[in-house]
Amino acid sequence: MHSNSPQSTPERSLARKSGLPMRQWLSRRRFLGQSAATLAVGWASTASAEDGEFESGSIDLRPGQQVKETGPRIVRVSVELPNLPPQMDGFRIAQISDLHLEPYTTARQIARVVRLCNSLQPDLVAMTGDFVTYNARPAGKLAEILSELKAPHGVYASLGNHDFQSGHENVVYALEQKGMPVLRNVCRAIHTDKGVLHLAGMDSRYVSSPHLRSTLDSWRENQPLVMMMHEPDVADDLAEAKVHALQLSGHTHGGQVRFMGLQPSIHRRAKWGKKYLAGAYNVGTVRLYVNRGIGTVGVPLRVQCPPEVTEITLRSPELRRALAKV
């Protein structure tokens, strides 16, 4: 009897490795068992993920088709950025988010994301938070892997709620030691041979209200602005302040688990990630893009929410107007 009990030593050992309390780990385990039973009805399952690197990663569910686990996808979007000079038209940003190294996302998976990101040859890389999950112990290992990211105009980060909950000082130190600045309520001018782009980063909304005034103290309204902000619903605050900008966010994982393609109900969505779930939105004066992220939280599973690397091409409205007159 004792060996089959949920309180047995192997169960406790697995719970400790997951970083979750025993009761929470058991709840997640039961959920996975129920999910597996659900997937077995009506669909067949493939044995492993693409390249064998995302075995517990994403699952696409479509009626009448097989379940197929897939690796990270490249999503390409073009965004017209107010005040972007014509010479900077075509400037490309690679966005990655919600890496969540450990307990479910592995170093091997993150390394694959880095290779995929580098294959895009972006001008700049923006990482929008949640580098770790329950503790900051993996931060050094993660920073070592991310230091392989290549972009001529830099690799920048902002922090997410899990970073603060896990020990953000360690995350910031690890990233900056490897040459990746963490923008905490500050705006930085990115100088290129074709013009200047202003890149800002704000701390997670879980920590405090948005520090818009202090963050944008050096920014002027006639300058192109990209804002890194982990939680997407903060776009409402920027729009209310009449800030013309592109906001890059993550946080929602796109819902992470979306059976039959249905979006999760509002009460199941993350705080400050309830209105804008995934993809592109126009929010007043703000262009918002919400990345689905790479890692997972709660369960090592994605359903119809594949991990994502986003390539964002900035377009100049001035150039568009000039071409329209030709």
Protein backbone atom coordinates (compact mmCIF):
# COMPACT_ATOMS: atom_id res chain seq x y z
CA MET A 1 0.00 0.00 0.00
CA HIS A 2 2.72 2.43 0.96
CA SER A 3 4.58 2.12 -2.37
CA ASN A 4 1.43 3.05 -4.30
CA SER A 5 0.62 6.04 -2.13
CA PRO A 6 0.93 9.58 -3.55
CA GLN A 7 3.09 10.30 -0.52
CA SER A 8 5.72 7.74 -1.53
CA THR A 9 9.37 8.71 -1.94
CA PRO A 10 9.45 8.65 -5.80
CA GLU A 11 6.48 11.03 -5.97
CA ARG A 12 8.06 13.40 -3.48
CA SER A 13 11.33 13.27 -5.42
CA LEU A 14 9.61 14.20 -8.68
CA ALA A 15 7.71 17.00 -6.98
CA ARG A 16 10.96 18.42 -5.61
CA LYS A 17 12.58 18.32 -9.07
CA SER A 18 9.62 20.21 -10.56
CA GLY A 19 10.03 23.02 -8.04
CA LEU A 20 6.33 22.79 -7.15
CA PRO A 21 4.68 22.04 -3.79
CA MET A 22 3.53 18.42 -3.48
CA ARG A 23 -0.19 19.23 -3.71
CA GLN A 24 0.27 21.46 -6.78
CA TRP A 25 2.48 18.87 -8.49
CA LEU A 26 -0.13 16.14 -7.96
CA SER A 27 -2.81 18.42 -9.39
CA ARG A 28 -0.72 19.04 -12.52
CA ARG A 29 -0.01 15.30 -12.82
CA ARG A 30 -3.72 14.47 -12.74
CA PHE A 31 -4.38 17.15 -15.38
CA LEU A 32 -1.77 15.64 -17.71
CA GLY A 33 -3.27 12.19 -17.24
CA GLN A 34 -6.72 13.50 -18.11
CA SER A 35 -5.33 15.39 -21.12
CA ALA A 36 -3.61 12.26 -22.42
CA ALA A 37 -6.86 10.33 -22.12
CA THR A 38 -8.67 13.08 -24.02
CA LEU A 39 -6.11 13.09 -26.83
CA ALA A 40 -6.45 9.32 -27.21
CA VAL A 41 -10.10 9.70 -28.22
CA GLY A 42 -10.49 10.59 -31.91
CA TRP A 43 -6.84 11.33 -32.74
CA ALA A 44 -3.67 9.31 -32.94
CA SER A 45 -0.47 10.66 -31.42
CA THR A 46 3.00 10.77 -32.92
CA ALA A 47 5.91 9.49 -30.87
CA SER A 48 8.06 12.62 -30.57
CA ALA A 49 8.47 16.24 -31.49
CA GLU A 50 10.15 17.77 -34.49
CA ASP A 51 13.89 17.07 -34.26
CA GLY A 52 13.19 15.35 -30.93
CA GLU A 53 13.82 18.62 -29.09
CA PHE A 54 10.34 19.62 -27.95
CA GLU A 55 9.03 16.28 -26.75
CA SER A 56 6.83 17.98 -24.15
CA GLY A 57 6.28 21.06 -26.29
CA SER A 58 3.37 21.89 -28.56
CA ILE A 59 0.53 19.81 -29.92
CA ASP A 60 -1.66 20.78 -32.87
CA LEU A 61 -5.21 19.44 -32.64
CA ARG A 62 -7.43 19.40 -35.70
CA PRO A 63 -10.43 17.10 -36.06
CA GLY A 64 -9.73 14.23 -38.39
CA GLN A 65 -5.97 14.72 -38.29
CA GLN A 66 -3.19 13.27 -36.24
CA VAL A 67 -1.81 14.96 -33.19
CA LYS A 68 1.58 16.36 -34.11
CA GLU A 69 4.01 17.91 -31.67
CA THR A 70 5.93 20.78 -33.26
CA GLY A 71 8.89 22.95 -32.41
CA PRO A 72 9.07 26.76 -32.39
CA ARG A 73 7.66 28.56 -35.40
CA ILE A 74 8.86 31.73 -37.09
CA VAL A 75 6.05 34.29 -37.33
CA ARG A 76 6.72 37.24 -39.64
CA VAL A 77 4.83 40.51 -39.27
CA SER A 78 5.22 44.01 -40.70
CA VAL A 79 4.34 46.99 -38.55
CA GLU A 80 4.09 50.62 -39.57
CA LEU A 81 5.87 52.53 -36.82
CA PRO A 82 4.98 56.22 -36.37
CA ASN A 83 7.88 58.61 -37.02
CA LEU A 84 10.17 55.91 -38.41
CA PRO A 85 12.40 57.68 -40.98
CA PRO A 86 12.21 56.34 -44.55
CA GLN A 87 15.86 55.32 -44.39
CA MET A 88 15.06 52.88 -41.55
CA ASP A 89 12.21 51.19 -43.42
CA GLY A 90 12.85 47.43 -43.26
CA PHE A 91 14.62 47.45 -39.87
CA ARG A 92 14.00 43.99 -38.39
CA ILE A 93 13.53 42.97 -34.76
CA ALA A 94 13.51 39.36 -33.59
CA GLN A 95 11.33 38.92 -30.51
CA ILE A 96 11.49 35.98 -28.11
CA SER A 97 9.59 35.74 -24.85
CA ASP A 98 8.68 33.55 -21.89
CA LEU A 99 11.64 31.18 -22.14
CA HIS A 100 10.91 29.74 -18.67
CA LEU A 101 14.11 27.71 -18.41
CA GLU A 102 13.28 24.83 -16.05
CA PRO A 103 11.51 22.87 -14.81
CA TYR A 104 9.91 22.03 -18.18
CA THR A 105 11.90 23.95 -20.79
CA THR A 106 15.42 22.62 -21.26
CA ALA A 107 18.74 24.24 -22.16
CA ARG A 108 18.73 22.23 -25.39
CA GLN A 109 15.40 23.74 -26.40
CA ILE A 110 16.59 27.28 -25.66
CA ALA A 111 19.74 26.66 -27.72
CA ARG A 112 17.54 25.65 -30.62
CA VAL A 113 15.57 28.90 -30.28
CA VAL A 114 18.84 30.85 -30.36
CA ARG A 115 19.88 29.11 -33.59
CA LEU A 116 16.48 29.82 -35.12
CA CYS A 117 16.66 33.46 -34.09
CA ASN A 118 20.16 33.86 -35.51
CA SER A 119 19.05 32.34 -38.80
CA LEU A 120 16.83 35.41 -39.28
CA GLN A 121 19.87 37.72 -39.09
CA PRO A 122 17.86 40.43 -37.28
CA ASP A 123 19.05 43.99 -36.73
CA LEU A 124 18.07 43.80 -33.04
CA VAL A 125 16.77 41.18 -30.61
CA ALA A 126 14.08 42.01 -28.03
CA MET A 127 13.44 39.55 -25.17
CA THR A 128 10.24 40.37 -23.30
CA GLY A 129 10.55 38.66 -19.94
CA ASP A 130 9.96 35.50 -17.92
CA PHE A 131 13.43 34.03 -18.38
CA VAL A 132 12.97 31.70 -15.40
CA THR A 133 9.94 30.16 -13.70
CA TYR A 134 10.02 29.34 -9.97
CA ASN A 135 13.58 30.29 -9.00
CA ALA A 136 16.56 32.12 -10.50
CA ARG A 137 19.08 29.28 -10.23
CA PRO A 138 19.06 28.61 -14.01
CA ALA A 139 19.71 32.29 -14.84
CA GLY A 140 23.46 31.87 -15.35
CA LYS A 141 23.02 28.84 -17.60
CA LEU A 142 20.33 30.65 -19.59
CA ALA A 143 22.44 33.78 -20.03
CA GLU A 144 25.32 31.65 -21.32
CA ILE A 145 23.05 30.20 -24.02
CA LEU A 146 21.46 33.54 -24.90
CA SER A 147 24.89 35.15 -25.24
CA GLU A 148 25.09 33.34 -28.61
CA LEU A 149 22.34 35.59 -30.00
CA LYS A 150 23.67 37.81 -32.79
CA ALA A 151 22.34 41.22 -33.84
CA PRO A 152 24.37 44.25 -34.99
CA HIS A 153 22.33 46.69 -32.91
CA GLY A 154 22.19 44.63 -29.76
CA VAL A 155 20.23 42.12 -27.70
CA TYR A 156 17.97 43.72 -25.08
CA ALA A 157 15.67 42.43 -22.35
CA SER A 158 12.80 43.48 -20.13
CA LEU A 159 11.58 41.56 -17.08
CA GLY A 160 8.43 39.52 -16.51
CA ASN A 161 6.44 38.63 -13.43
CA HIS A 162 8.16 35.25 -12.96
CA ASP A 163 11.56 36.96 -12.99
CA PHE A 164 10.52 39.15 -10.07
CA GLN A 165 8.90 36.26 -8.23
CA SER A 166 12.06 34.17 -8.67
CA GLY A 167 14.74 36.73 -7.82
CA HIS A 168 15.12 39.36 -10.52
CA GLU A 169 18.49 40.62 -9.27
CA ASN A 170 20.07 37.32 -10.29
CA VAL A 171 18.38 37.40 -13.68
CA VAL A 172 19.53 40.97 -14.37
CA TYR A 173 23.08 40.22 -13.24
CA ALA A 174 23.34 37.07 -15.38
CA LEU A 175 22.08 38.76 -18.54
CA GLU A 176 24.10 41.95 -18.19
CA GLN A 177 27.29 40.01 -17.40
CA LYS A 178 26.89 38.49 -20.85
CA GLY A 179 26.39 41.85 -22.56
CA MET A 180 22.59 41.88 -22.75
CA PRO A 181 21.21 45.10 -21.21
CA VAL A 182 18.00 44.82 -19.17
CA LEU A 183 15.85 47.91 -19.70
CA ARG A 184 14.09 48.68 -16.41
CA ASN A 185 11.84 51.72 -16.78
CA VAL A 186 14.28 53.36 -19.16
CA CYS A 187 14.49 54.32 -22.83
CA ARG A 188 17.61 53.88 -24.93
CA ALA A 189 18.47 55.43 -28.28
CA ILE A 190 19.59 52.83 -30.84
CA HIS A 191 21.82 54.60 -33.34
CA THR A 192 22.13 53.13 -36.82
CA ASP A 193 23.72 54.50 -39.99
CA LYS A 194 20.18 55.16 -41.27
CA GLY A 195 18.64 56.84 -38.25
CA VAL A 196 17.76 56.47 -34.57
CA LEU A 197 15.25 54.07 -33.03
CA HIS A 198 14.17 54.51 -29.41
CA LEU A 199 13.80 51.27 -27.45
CA ALA A 200 12.18 51.33 -24.00
CA GLY A 201 11.58 48.66 -21.39
CA MET A 202 9.29 48.68 -18.37
CA ASP A 203 9.20 46.38 -15.37
CA SER A 204 6.39 43.86 -15.00
CA ARG A 205 2.97 45.27 -14.15
CA TYR A 206 2.94 42.80 -11.25
CA VAL A 207 5.57 44.96 -9.52
CA SER A 208 3.99 48.40 -9.83
CA SER A 209 1.96 50.70 -12.02
CA PRO A 210 3.63 51.59 -15.34
CA HIS A 211 6.36 54.21 -14.90
CA LEU A 212 5.53 55.94 -18.16
CA ARG A 213 6.74 59.42 -17.29
CA SER A 214 10.15 58.37 -15.97
CA THR A 215 10.62 55.66 -18.61
CA LEU A 216 9.98 58.05 -21.49
CA ASP A 217 11.70 61.08 -19.96
CA SER A 218 14.33 61.17 -22.75
CA TRP A 219 11.89 60.35 -25.57
CA ARG A 220 10.18 62.96 -27.72
CA GLU A 221 6.86 62.47 -29.47
CA ASN A 222 8.35 62.89 -32.94
CA GLN A 223 10.76 59.97 -32.43
CA PRO A 224 10.06 56.30 -33.34
CA LEU A 225 9.47 54.23 -30.20
CA VAL A 226 9.37 50.48 -29.48
CA MET A 227 8.28 49.54 -25.96
CA MET A 228 9.13 46.17 -24.37
CA MET A 229 6.48 45.38 -21.77
CA HIS A 230 5.85 41.83 -20.57
CA GLU A 231 2.11 42.15 -19.94
CA PRO A 232 0.11 43.10 -23.05
CA ASP A 233 -2.86 44.77 -21.34
CA VAL A 234 -0.57 47.67 -20.38
CA ALA A 235 -1.07 48.83 -23.98
CA ASP A 236 -4.25 50.45 -22.66
CA ASP A 237 -2.15 52.68 -20.40
CA LEU A 238 0.10 53.73 -23.27
CA ALA A 239 -2.90 54.45 -25.48
CA GLU A 240 -4.58 56.50 -22.74
CA ALA A 241 -1.39 58.59 -22.50
CA LYS A 242 -1.50 59.07 -26.30
CA VAL A 243 1.89 57.42 -26.77
CA HIS A 244 2.48 56.51 -30.42
CA ALA A 245 4.55 53.33 -30.27
CA LEU A 246 4.92 49.64 -31.00
CA GLN A 247 4.56 47.56 -27.83
CA LEU A 248 6.12 44.08 -27.75
CA SER A 249 4.70 41.72 -25.12
CA GLY A 250 4.46 38.09 -24.08
CA HIS A 251 3.07 36.71 -20.81
CA THR A 252 -0.04 34.95 -22.14
CA HIS A 253 1.63 31.98 -23.91
CA GLY A 254 -1.19 32.49 -26.42
CA GLY A 255 -3.38 30.62 -23.96
CA GLN A 256 -0.95 27.64 -23.95
CA VAL A 257 -3.77 25.05 -23.98
CA ARG A 258 -6.50 25.65 -26.55
CA PHE A 259 -8.53 22.47 -27.16
CA MET A 260 -10.43 22.44 -30.46
CA GLY A 261 -8.98 25.85 -31.26
CA LEU A 262 -11.08 27.60 -28.62
CA GLN A 263 -9.60 30.55 -26.77
CA PRO A 264 -9.40 30.17 -22.99
CA SER A 265 -12.13 31.97 -21.09
CA ILE A 266 -11.27 35.29 -19.46
CA HIS A 267 -11.06 33.83 -15.94
CA ARG A 268 -8.41 31.33 -17.14
CA ARG A 269 -6.17 34.01 -18.63
CA ALA A 270 -3.23 35.56 -16.82
CA LYS A 271 -3.62 38.83 -14.95
CA TRP A 272 -2.89 41.78 -17.27
CA GLY A 273 -3.05 39.34 -20.15
CA LYS A 274 -6.83 39.00 -20.36
CA LYS A 275 -7.66 41.37 -23.24
CA TYR A 276 -4.89 40.69 -25.75
CA LEU A 277 -4.02 37.01 -26.10
CA ALA A 278 -1.74 36.58 -29.13
CA GLY A 279 -0.80 38.29 -32.36
CA ALA A 280 -1.24 41.87 -33.59
CA TYR A 281 -3.65 44.51 -32.26
CA ASN A 282 -4.34 48.19 -32.79
CA VAL A 283 -4.94 49.75 -29.37
CA GLY A 284 -5.61 53.44 -29.92
CA THR A 285 -2.24 55.05 -30.66
CA VAL A 286 -0.40 51.79 -29.91
CA ARG A 287 0.52 48.95 -32.23
CA LEU A 288 0.69 45.86 -30.03
CA TYR A 289 2.23 42.48 -30.78
CA VAL A 290 1.82 39.59 -28.32
CA ASN A 291 4.33 36.75 -28.73
CA ARG A 292 3.15 33.24 -27.71
CA GLY A 293 6.46 32.56 -25.98
CA ILE A 294 8.68 29.50 -25.85
CA GLY A 295 8.25 27.76 -22.49
CA THR A 296 5.34 26.54 -20.43
CA VAL A 297 4.03 27.02 -16.89
CA GLY A 298 1.83 24.68 -14.88
CA VAL A 299 1.99 21.77 -17.31
CA PRO A 300 4.70 20.83 -19.88
CA LEU A 301 2.17 21.07 -22.69
CA ARG A 302 1.00 23.37 -25.46
CA VAL A 303 -2.17 22.68 -27.44
CA GLN A 304 -2.63 24.68 -30.65
CA CYS A 305 -0.23 27.29 -29.25
CA PRO A 306 3.16 26.43 -30.75
CA PRO A 307 6.21 28.24 -29.37
CA GLU A 308 7.11 31.28 -31.40
CA VAL A 309 10.03 33.37 -32.61
CA THR A 310 8.72 36.61 -34.15
CA GLU A 311 10.41 38.56 -36.93
CA ILE A 312 9.03 42.10 -36.92
CA THR A 313 9.78 44.32 -39.90
CA LEU A 314 9.33 48.03 -39.20
CA ARG A 315 7.80 50.15 -41.94
CA SER A 316 7.95 53.92 -42.38
CA PRO A 317 4.59 55.70 -42.82
CA GLU A 318 6.44 58.62 -44.43
CA LEU A 319 7.86 56.31 -47.09
CA ARG A 320 4.41 54.80 -47.70
CA ARG A 321 2.92 58.25 -48.22
CA ALA A 322 5.74 59.24 -50.57
CA LEU A 323 5.32 56.08 -52.67
CA ALA A 324 1.54 56.63 -52.83
CA LYS A 325 2.15 59.97 -54.59
CA VAL A 326 4.33 58.43 -57.30
